[in-house]
Amino acid sequence: MNEQPDLRHVLHQRHHELATSMRHADEFDEAVALRTVTGKRRGRAIVRSTTTVACVAVLAAGAFVLLGQEPAPIAPAVPVTTPSESPTPTPSATPSATPSPDPIVNEARNPDMSDEEALYRAEHPATGEVWLDEPVEVEPPVDLPWNDEGITWYLVGSRGDIEIYSVEQAVFIGWTLLELAPDGTLSGVSSPRPSDPMPEWPDGVPDAQPYLDGVEESDVYYDSLALPSRWTSPEGLELTLGWGGAPVNLYWGLTNTQVGTAGNASIIRLDNNMLGTQVPEGVSSTTLGYAILDPNGQAFSLASADPLGTETSDVTLTDGTVLGSEDRFHELSDGSCAATPEWTTYVQGTADGWWTEIGSTSRGAVYAPTADNTLARAVYDEWLSRHEGALEYYQEEGGDLPFGPFGEVEPTFQDYLDLPAILAAPAPTADGWFVEIDRDLSIVAGC
């Protein structure tokens, strides 16, 4: 069998033939063509075979393929020109690295806690507490002089080998958290949130909780009770969370519904429909308040939202008259006459044309009822009926003026509206109105 020719020589001869055949092409540079083809060959393996001749295909365009190699790029049969010098690109400014936020370290109380930190602490508590799914009513675990019929103990959780109790004091309408150590030591936890400032009580016991005589306060707090600073209700009330808020018993006959969450706590809406008079058909008047329900079962009223701004600023009428509003206007059903929570009257179903803008407070525009407002008329009629005979009594016995801000003169409905006796503002995020009344014209008995 004849020996196959050396593949190097075959390829070497082919690239010369290819270059020579194109010698007469326009602007052809033979030297460049030879360098191009030679360059394609540089570094290739030498293939020898004593059997079947290796398949080598030299394409008319000048490319070639060696057995076992990928096709090399086709060398262009075009003039090769020296590229002009490209302008040096202007280097773009390297953005400075964004500094990483300071890590959240939950190792101490922080009254200036951000919402981010509060939510982090609530999700990653470092204080060791574990809450039961539900508070469990128990007999008093220790014998104390203030254990009486007005005290109810609930086991609510633990912190290591320490038991955590919630104590309800009915007379003082209060909740207290207590920790019981294995050695029987009982201590109070009156500032349980990590955002609470630690109170300083020289005598060790707060005056507001006299039934805790003999119980020393501790500096214990629970990360799982951390709360963001604010929460917005479905009606648009901006409510303040966190430290403070009077205790609330959710089971005292009020309708309560969970409407949101904050950290590990639930937001509870409490409401009733007691206005003190019959409301017109198609209109609803709801006295509502909000409370925070902690995972330990304790509930606290959320601070008043002051939806009209009358608690924190004067009312300036469109004619420039300023109504000093300090303690003057209260929500329509005057729930401030009762216990917590802090109430707001929310009215729905009023018709177009029932309200007219009369001025503003620091929070924005305020409105008064028009003569077509049948809800205002019902409240006026109820108030007037309760003052029947008041003038005669006053004339005979003296005492308070029979018609409050109207003195001895029984006001007409228009007088009542022009005072103004009632103010309102539209709810920011719902189809309703927040309504307040001059406290001297309240229709709630005893207020």
Protein backbone atom coordinates (compact mmCIF):
# COMPACT_ATOMS: atom_id res chain seq x y z
CA MET A 1 0.00 0.00 0.00
CA ASN A 2 1.34 3.35 -0.94
CA GLU A 3 2.35 5.67 1.87
CA GLN A 4 0.11 8.69 2.21
CA PRO A 5 1.80 12.05 1.62
CA ASP A 6 2.64 14.19 4.62
CA LEU A 7 -0.34 16.38 5.39
CA ARG A 8 1.92 19.36 6.13
CA HIS A 9 3.13 19.36 2.56
CA VAL A 10 -0.39 19.02 1.18
CA LEU A 11 -1.58 22.01 3.14
CA HIS A 12 1.52 24.02 2.42
CA GLN A 13 1.04 23.45 -1.31
CA ARG A 14 -2.66 24.27 -1.12
CA HIS A 15 -2.19 27.66 0.50
CA HIS A 16 0.34 28.64 -2.17
CA GLU A 17 -2.02 27.55 -4.94
CA LEU A 18 -4.86 29.50 -3.35
CA ALA A 19 -2.81 32.65 -2.97
CA THR A 20 -1.42 32.35 -6.52
CA SER A 21 -4.88 31.89 -8.07
CA MET A 22 -6.01 35.17 -6.55
CA ARG A 23 -2.87 37.12 -7.45
CA HIS A 24 -4.63 39.12 -10.18
CA ALA A 25 -7.62 40.08 -8.06
CA ASP A 26 -8.08 43.82 -7.56
CA GLU A 27 -6.06 45.22 -4.69
CA PHE A 28 -4.88 41.72 -3.77
CA ASP A 29 -1.85 41.51 -1.53
CA GLU A 30 -0.22 38.12 -1.92
CA ALA A 31 2.01 38.50 1.07
CA VAL A 32 -0.91 39.26 3.31
CA ALA A 33 -2.90 36.34 1.90
CA LEU A 34 -0.02 33.98 2.53
CA ARG A 35 0.34 35.26 6.08
CA THR A 36 -3.37 34.82 6.64
CA VAL A 37 -3.49 31.22 5.47
CA THR A 38 -0.22 30.36 7.17
CA GLY A 39 -1.56 31.80 10.37
CA LYS A 40 -4.53 29.48 10.20
CA ARG A 41 -2.16 26.56 9.99
CA ARG A 42 0.09 27.61 12.86
CA GLY A 43 -0.32 25.41 15.90
CA ARG A 44 -2.33 22.64 14.20
CA ALA A 45 -1.51 19.03 14.90
CA ILE A 46 0.24 16.90 12.29
CA VAL A 47 -1.93 14.00 11.26
CA ARG A 48 -0.39 10.84 9.89
CA SER A 49 -2.17 7.66 8.80
CA THR A 50 -1.15 4.40 7.19
CA THR A 51 -4.71 3.43 6.41
CA THR A 52 -7.53 5.57 5.06
CA VAL A 53 -6.53 9.03 3.90
CA ALA A 54 -7.76 11.69 6.33
CA CYS A 55 -10.62 13.74 5.00
CA VAL A 56 -9.34 17.19 4.29
CA ALA A 57 -11.59 19.63 2.49
CA VAL A 58 -10.14 22.89 1.32
CA LEU A 59 -12.98 25.27 0.57
CA ALA A 60 -12.88 27.65 -2.33
CA ALA A 61 -13.03 30.55 0.10
CA GLY A 62 -9.73 29.42 1.52
CA ALA A 63 -10.74 27.85 4.83
CA PHE A 64 -9.80 24.33 5.76
CA VAL A 65 -10.82 21.74 8.29
CA LEU A 66 -8.56 19.29 10.04
CA LEU A 67 -9.95 16.03 11.30
CA GLY A 68 -11.07 16.39 14.91
CA GLN A 69 -10.92 20.25 14.92
CA GLU A 70 -13.70 22.88 14.78
CA PRO A 71 -13.91 24.94 11.58
CA ALA A 72 -11.60 27.94 11.66
CA PRO A 73 -13.05 31.35 10.78
CA ILE A 74 -13.07 32.20 7.07
CA ALA A 75 -10.23 34.56 6.18
CA PRO A 76 -11.69 37.56 4.34
CA ALA A 77 -10.48 38.05 0.76
CA VAL A 78 -10.58 41.82 1.15
CA PRO A 79 -7.92 44.47 1.34
CA VAL A 80 -6.31 44.72 4.71
CA THR A 81 -5.87 48.29 5.80
CA THR A 82 -4.13 49.69 8.79
CA PRO A 83 -6.85 50.75 11.22
CA SER A 84 -6.88 54.34 12.24
CA GLU A 85 -6.12 55.08 15.83
CA SER A 86 -9.25 54.92 17.90
CA PRO A 87 -9.85 57.66 20.40
CA THR A 88 -9.10 56.68 23.91
CA PRO A 89 -12.43 56.16 25.67
CA THR A 90 -13.09 58.45 28.56
CA PRO A 91 -13.17 56.29 31.65
CA SER A 92 -16.55 56.37 33.36
CA ALA A 93 -16.68 57.33 36.98
CA THR A 94 -16.61 54.32 39.23
CA PRO A 95 -19.64 54.54 41.50
CA SER A 96 -18.72 54.64 45.11
CA ALA A 97 -19.91 51.66 47.08
CA THR A 98 -23.14 52.26 48.98
CA PRO A 99 -22.32 51.91 52.63
CA SER A 100 -24.04 49.01 54.29
CA PRO A 101 -26.66 50.03 56.84
CA ASP A 102 -25.62 49.69 60.42
CA PRO A 103 -26.50 46.22 61.66
CA ILE A 104 -29.46 46.05 63.99
CA VAL A 105 -28.25 45.08 67.42
CA ASN A 106 -31.04 44.25 69.83
CA GLU A 107 -29.08 44.21 73.06
CA ALA A 108 -30.76 47.02 75.00
CA ARG A 109 -33.81 49.27 75.15
CA ASN A 110 -34.05 51.88 72.44
CA PRO A 111 -36.73 54.58 72.89
CA ASP A 112 -35.65 56.01 69.51
CA MET A 113 -36.24 52.74 67.71
CA SER A 114 -36.98 52.93 63.98
CA ASP A 115 -39.81 50.93 62.43
CA GLU A 116 -37.21 48.77 60.70
CA GLU A 117 -35.57 47.92 64.00
CA ALA A 118 -38.92 47.28 65.68
CA LEU A 119 -40.01 44.82 63.02
CA TYR A 120 -36.59 43.14 63.07
CA ARG A 121 -36.74 42.69 66.83
CA ALA A 122 -40.28 41.36 66.66
CA GLU A 123 -39.21 38.78 64.08
CA HIS A 124 -35.85 37.95 65.70
CA PRO A 125 -36.36 38.30 69.46
CA ALA A 126 -33.16 37.99 71.46
CA THR A 127 -34.78 38.13 74.89
CA GLY A 128 -35.85 34.50 75.22
CA GLU A 129 -39.60 34.79 75.81
CA VAL A 130 -42.03 32.16 74.52
CA TRP A 131 -45.75 33.00 74.61
CA LEU A 132 -48.56 30.47 74.93
CA ASP A 133 -51.07 30.33 72.11
CA GLU A 134 -53.76 31.47 74.55
CA PRO A 135 -53.56 32.82 78.11
CA VAL A 136 -54.50 30.19 80.67
CA GLU A 137 -56.41 31.31 83.76
CA VAL A 138 -54.76 29.87 86.88
CA GLU A 139 -54.95 30.06 90.62
CA PRO A 140 -52.51 32.57 92.14
CA PRO A 141 -49.12 30.79 92.12
CA VAL A 142 -47.94 32.71 95.18
CA ASP A 143 -49.65 33.87 98.35
CA LEU A 144 -49.80 37.65 98.37
CA PRO A 145 -51.87 40.06 100.46
CA TRP A 146 -53.43 41.62 97.37
CA ASN A 147 -54.77 38.35 95.96
CA ASP A 148 -58.50 38.91 96.28
CA GLU A 149 -61.64 38.56 94.21
CA GLY A 150 -60.66 41.50 92.01
CA ILE A 151 -57.46 39.81 90.84
CA THR A 152 -57.28 37.24 88.01
CA TRP A 153 -54.04 35.45 87.13
CA TYR A 154 -53.21 34.15 83.64
CA LEU A 155 -50.18 32.11 82.69
CA VAL A 156 -49.10 33.61 79.36
CA GLY A 157 -45.57 32.35 78.67
CA SER A 158 -42.07 31.73 79.93
CA ARG A 159 -38.52 32.99 79.66
CA GLY A 160 -36.21 30.09 80.24
CA ASP A 161 -37.23 28.59 83.61
CA ILE A 162 -39.08 31.78 84.58
CA GLU A 163 -42.86 31.81 84.26
CA ILE A 164 -44.62 34.92 82.89
CA TYR A 165 -48.05 35.87 84.22
CA SER A 166 -50.57 38.49 83.23
CA VAL A 167 -52.58 39.82 86.15
CA GLU A 168 -55.90 41.58 85.58
CA GLN A 169 -57.04 44.00 88.25
CA ALA A 170 -60.71 44.73 87.72
CA VAL A 171 -61.03 47.67 90.09
CA PHE A 172 -58.20 49.61 88.52
CA ILE A 173 -58.97 48.29 85.02
CA GLY A 174 -55.35 47.30 84.61
CA TRP A 175 -53.08 44.63 83.25
CA THR A 176 -49.72 43.83 84.78
CA LEU A 177 -47.01 41.45 83.64
CA LEU A 178 -45.22 39.55 86.39
CA GLU A 179 -42.35 37.08 86.27
CA LEU A 180 -42.04 34.26 88.79
CA ALA A 181 -38.57 32.77 89.24
CA PRO A 182 -38.03 29.14 90.36
CA ASP A 183 -37.03 30.37 93.81
CA GLY A 184 -40.41 32.10 94.21
CA THR A 185 -39.21 35.65 93.56
CA LEU A 186 -41.92 37.73 91.91
CA SER A 187 -41.00 40.80 89.87
CA GLY A 188 -42.98 43.28 87.83
CA VAL A 189 -42.52 44.06 84.14
CA SER A 190 -44.14 47.44 83.68
CA SER A 191 -42.17 48.50 80.60
CA PRO A 192 -42.23 45.35 78.47
CA ARG A 193 -41.56 46.81 75.02
CA PRO A 194 -37.94 47.35 73.94
CA SER A 195 -38.93 50.87 72.84
CA ASP A 196 -40.31 51.71 76.30
CA PRO A 197 -38.17 54.05 78.36
CA MET A 198 -37.50 52.41 81.69
CA PRO A 199 -39.49 54.32 84.33
CA GLU A 200 -37.72 55.38 87.47
CA TRP A 201 -39.73 54.79 90.62
CA PRO A 202 -37.90 55.74 93.78
CA ASP A 203 -40.21 53.56 95.86
CA GLY A 204 -40.05 50.61 93.47
CA VAL A 205 -43.83 50.44 92.99
CA PRO A 206 -45.93 52.73 90.77
CA ASP A 207 -48.70 54.60 92.57
CA ALA A 208 -51.14 53.66 89.78
CA GLN A 209 -50.89 50.01 90.80
CA PRO A 210 -51.28 49.91 94.58
CA TYR A 211 -52.16 46.23 94.51
CA LEU A 212 -48.52 45.50 93.66
CA ASP A 213 -47.24 46.36 97.12
CA GLY A 214 -44.17 44.30 97.84
CA VAL A 215 -43.38 43.52 94.19
CA GLU A 216 -40.17 45.02 92.88
CA GLU A 217 -40.01 46.28 89.34
CA SER A 218 -37.44 44.81 86.96
CA ASP A 219 -35.76 46.14 83.84
CA VAL A 220 -36.98 43.14 81.79
CA TYR A 221 -38.37 43.76 78.33
CA TYR A 222 -39.43 41.51 75.44
CA ASP A 223 -38.23 41.99 71.86
CA SER A 224 -41.28 40.12 70.55
CA LEU A 225 -43.49 43.01 71.73
CA ALA A 226 -41.70 45.60 69.57
CA LEU A 227 -44.05 47.71 67.46
CA PRO A 228 -43.69 50.14 64.55
CA SER A 229 -44.55 53.73 65.40
CA ARG A 230 -47.82 54.15 63.49
CA TRP A 231 -50.63 52.26 61.81
CA THR A 232 -53.38 53.51 59.46
CA SER A 233 -56.92 52.22 59.90
CA PRO A 234 -59.16 51.24 56.96
CA GLU A 235 -60.93 54.61 57.37
CA GLY A 236 -57.63 56.49 57.20
CA LEU A 237 -57.09 57.17 60.91
CA GLU A 238 -53.40 57.63 61.67
CA LEU A 239 -52.95 55.79 64.97
CA THR A 240 -49.90 55.93 67.20
CA LEU A 241 -48.53 52.59 68.45
CA GLY A 242 -45.89 51.85 71.03
CA TRP A 243 -45.58 53.01 74.58
CA GLY A 244 -48.67 54.15 76.45
CA GLY A 245 -52.31 53.39 75.93
CA ALA A 246 -54.83 52.51 78.60
CA PRO A 247 -55.66 48.83 79.23
CA VAL A 248 -58.71 47.52 77.40
CA ASN A 249 -60.84 44.50 78.20
CA LEU A 250 -61.98 43.09 74.86
CA TYR A 251 -64.78 41.09 76.44
CA TRP A 252 -66.90 43.84 77.99
CA GLY A 253 -69.74 43.63 75.51
CA LEU A 254 -68.09 45.47 72.62
CA THR A 255 -67.92 44.16 69.09
CA ASN A 256 -64.27 43.50 68.33
CA THR A 257 -62.76 42.50 65.02
CA GLN A 258 -59.15 41.98 63.99
CA VAL A 259 -58.42 44.34 61.12
CA GLY A 260 -54.63 44.27 60.87
CA THR A 261 -51.30 43.39 62.41
CA ALA A 262 -48.24 45.26 63.64
CA GLY A 263 -45.18 43.19 64.43
CA ASN A 264 -46.47 40.20 66.40
CA ALA A 265 -49.53 42.09 67.68
CA SER A 266 -53.05 42.21 66.29
CA ILE A 267 -54.94 45.43 65.64
CA ILE A 268 -58.47 45.16 67.00
CA ARG A 269 -61.37 47.41 66.03
CA LEU A 270 -63.96 47.86 68.76
CA ASP A 271 -67.28 49.44 67.89
CA ASN A 272 -70.89 49.98 68.85
CA ASN A 273 -73.81 51.89 67.39
CA MET A 274 -75.01 53.72 70.47
CA LEU A 275 -75.43 57.38 69.53
CA GLY A 276 -78.07 58.37 72.03
CA THR A 277 -80.78 58.96 69.46
CA GLN A 278 -82.41 57.29 66.47
CA VAL A 279 -80.39 57.88 63.30
CA PRO A 280 -82.16 58.51 59.99
CA GLU A 281 -82.89 55.59 57.70
CA GLY A 282 -79.94 54.71 55.49
CA VAL A 283 -77.42 56.42 57.79
CA SER A 284 -75.08 54.57 60.13
CA SER A 285 -73.24 56.11 63.04
CA THR A 286 -70.51 53.90 64.45
CA THR A 287 -68.56 54.66 67.59
CA LEU A 288 -65.25 52.98 66.97
CA GLY A 289 -61.92 52.66 68.70
CA TYR A 290 -58.77 50.66 68.14
CA ALA A 291 -56.64 48.54 70.43
CA ILE A 292 -53.40 46.61 70.15
CA LEU A 293 -53.59 42.96 71.26
CA ASP A 294 -50.19 41.62 72.23
CA PRO A 295 -49.25 37.94 71.87
CA ASN A 296 -49.45 37.65 75.68
CA GLY A 297 -53.19 38.40 75.57
CA GLN A 298 -53.02 41.95 76.90
CA ALA A 299 -54.85 44.70 75.02
CA PHE A 300 -54.22 48.44 75.13
CA SER A 301 -56.04 51.38 73.60
CA LEU A 302 -54.37 53.13 70.70
CA ALA A 303 -53.90 56.85 71.09
CA SER A 304 -56.59 59.12 69.68
CA ALA A 305 -56.12 59.94 66.03
CA ASP A 306 -57.67 63.45 66.30
CA PRO A 307 -59.15 63.14 62.79
CA LEU A 308 -60.39 66.73 62.63
CA GLY A 309 -57.42 68.32 64.35
CA THR A 310 -59.60 69.93 67.01
CA GLU A 311 -57.62 68.41 69.88
CA THR A 312 -54.35 69.96 68.78
CA SER A 313 -55.34 73.20 67.05
CA ASP A 314 -57.99 75.89 66.84
CA VAL A 315 -60.74 75.96 64.25
CA THR A 316 -60.40 78.98 61.96
CA LEU A 317 -63.62 79.79 60.14
CA THR A 318 -63.63 81.13 56.59
CA ASP A 319 -64.50 84.61 57.90
CA GLY A 320 -61.40 84.61 60.07
CA THR A 321 -63.15 83.83 63.35
CA VAL A 322 -61.10 81.53 65.55
CA LEU A 323 -62.88 78.97 67.71
CA GLY A 324 -60.75 78.02 70.65
CA SER A 325 -61.08 74.24 70.57
CA GLU A 326 -59.34 73.16 73.73
CA ASP A 327 -61.52 70.41 75.18
CA ARG A 328 -64.49 71.77 73.22
CA PHE A 329 -65.20 69.29 70.44
CA HIS A 330 -65.51 65.56 71.02
CA GLU A 331 -66.63 62.71 68.84
CA LEU A 332 -70.37 62.80 68.21
CA SER A 333 -71.37 59.96 70.53
CA ASP A 334 -69.12 61.43 73.23
CA GLY A 335 -67.41 58.17 74.06
CA SER A 336 -64.81 60.17 75.94
CA CYS A 337 -67.45 60.21 78.67
CA ALA A 338 -66.85 56.49 79.04
CA ALA A 339 -63.77 54.38 79.58
CA THR A 340 -61.20 53.34 77.01
CA PRO A 341 -60.61 52.97 74.13
CA GLU A 342 -60.39 56.47 72.76
CA TRP A 343 -63.41 56.71 70.51
CA THR A 344 -64.18 58.22 67.12
CA THR A 345 -67.62 58.59 65.55
CA TYR A 346 -67.68 57.42 61.96
CA VAL A 347 -70.80 58.23 59.91
CA GLN A 348 -71.74 56.67 56.59
CA GLY A 349 -74.73 57.07 54.29
CA THR A 350 -75.08 60.86 54.36
CA ALA A 351 -76.27 62.44 51.13
CA ASP A 352 -74.58 64.97 48.88
CA GLY A 353 -75.28 68.46 50.11
CA TRP A 354 -75.42 67.47 53.78
CA TRP A 355 -72.07 69.12 54.59
CA THR A 356 -70.55 72.50 53.80
CA GLU A 357 -66.99 73.64 54.33
CA ILE A 358 -66.76 76.34 57.02
CA GLY A 359 -63.09 76.54 57.95
CA SER A 360 -59.99 74.56 58.78
CA THR A 361 -57.65 73.24 61.44
CA SER A 362 -54.02 72.20 61.27
CA ARG A 363 -55.19 68.95 59.69
CA GLY A 364 -57.21 70.50 56.88
CA ALA A 365 -60.74 71.57 55.99
CA VAL A 366 -63.62 71.09 58.40
CA TYR A 367 -67.32 71.03 57.56
CA ALA A 368 -70.61 71.75 59.27
CA PRO A 369 -74.04 70.21 58.56
CA THR A 370 -76.45 71.97 56.24
CA ALA A 371 -80.15 72.35 57.00
CA ASP A 372 -80.76 69.23 54.86
CA ASN A 373 -78.66 67.05 57.18
CA THR A 374 -81.23 64.84 58.85
CA LEU A 375 -78.61 63.28 61.16
CA ALA A 376 -77.77 66.70 62.61
CA ARG A 377 -81.49 67.41 62.92
CA ALA A 378 -82.02 64.20 64.88
CA VAL A 379 -79.19 65.07 67.27
CA TYR A 380 -80.53 68.63 67.71
CA ASP A 381 -84.05 67.36 68.43
CA GLU A 382 -82.74 64.88 70.98
CA TRP A 383 -80.66 67.53 72.74
CA LEU A 384 -83.58 69.97 72.83
CA SER A 385 -85.95 67.35 74.22
CA ARG A 386 -83.58 66.74 77.11
CA HIS A 387 -83.73 70.43 78.00
CA GLU A 388 -87.49 70.67 78.15
CA GLY A 389 -88.35 72.60 81.30
CA ALA A 390 -84.71 73.59 81.79
CA LEU A 391 -85.49 77.29 81.51
CA GLU A 392 -88.15 77.16 84.21
CA TYR A 393 -85.88 75.18 86.49
CA TYR A 394 -83.05 77.63 85.94
CA GLN A 395 -85.27 80.59 86.63
CA GLU A 396 -86.46 78.99 89.86
CA GLU A 397 -83.35 77.19 91.10
CA GLY A 398 -80.44 78.76 89.26
CA GLY A 399 -77.45 76.64 88.30
CA ASP A 400 -76.07 76.07 84.84
CA LEU A 401 -77.50 77.97 81.91
CA PRO A 402 -80.37 75.92 80.49
CA PHE A 403 -79.15 75.91 76.88
CA GLY A 404 -75.40 75.81 77.35
CA PRO A 405 -73.62 78.13 74.90
CA PHE A 406 -76.98 79.63 73.90
CA GLY A 407 -77.64 80.87 77.42
CA GLU A 408 -81.30 81.29 78.33
CA VAL A 409 -82.52 81.39 74.74
CA GLU A 410 -83.77 78.19 73.17
CA PRO A 411 -81.89 77.98 69.86
CA THR A 412 -83.44 77.23 66.51
CA PHE A 413 -81.97 74.50 64.36
CA GLN A 414 -80.29 77.17 62.24
CA ASP A 415 -78.78 78.74 65.39
CA TYR A 416 -77.50 75.29 66.28
CA LEU A 417 -75.87 74.87 62.87
CA ASP A 418 -74.39 78.36 62.81
CA LEU A 419 -72.71 78.01 66.22
CA PRO A 420 -71.36 75.54 64.89
CA ALA A 421 -72.57 72.73 67.14
CA ILE A 422 -71.27 69.92 64.91
CA LEU A 423 -68.08 69.61 62.86
CA ALA A 424 -67.00 66.93 60.42
CA ALA A 425 -64.22 65.91 58.05
CA PRO A 426 -64.29 63.30 55.28
CA ALA A 427 -62.51 60.02 55.93
CA PRO A 428 -59.30 59.93 53.83
CA THR A 429 -59.60 56.33 52.63
CA ALA A 430 -63.28 55.45 52.89
CA ASP A 431 -66.74 56.73 52.03
CA GLY A 432 -67.69 58.29 55.35
CA TRP A 433 -67.23 61.21 57.74
CA PHE A 434 -65.63 61.68 61.12
CA VAL A 435 -68.09 63.75 63.15
CA GLU A 436 -67.61 65.74 66.38
CA ILE A 437 -69.91 67.81 68.58
CA ASP A 438 -69.55 70.72 70.97
CA ARG A 439 -69.19 69.00 74.33
CA ASP A 440 -71.75 71.36 75.93
CA LEU A 441 -74.34 70.06 73.47
CA SER A 442 -73.64 66.35 74.00
CA ILE A 443 -76.67 64.06 74.05
CA VAL A 444 -74.93 61.43 76.16
CA ALA A 445 -76.44 61.28 79.63
CA GLY A 446 -74.06 62.31 82.39
CA CYS A 447 -71.56 64.06 80.12
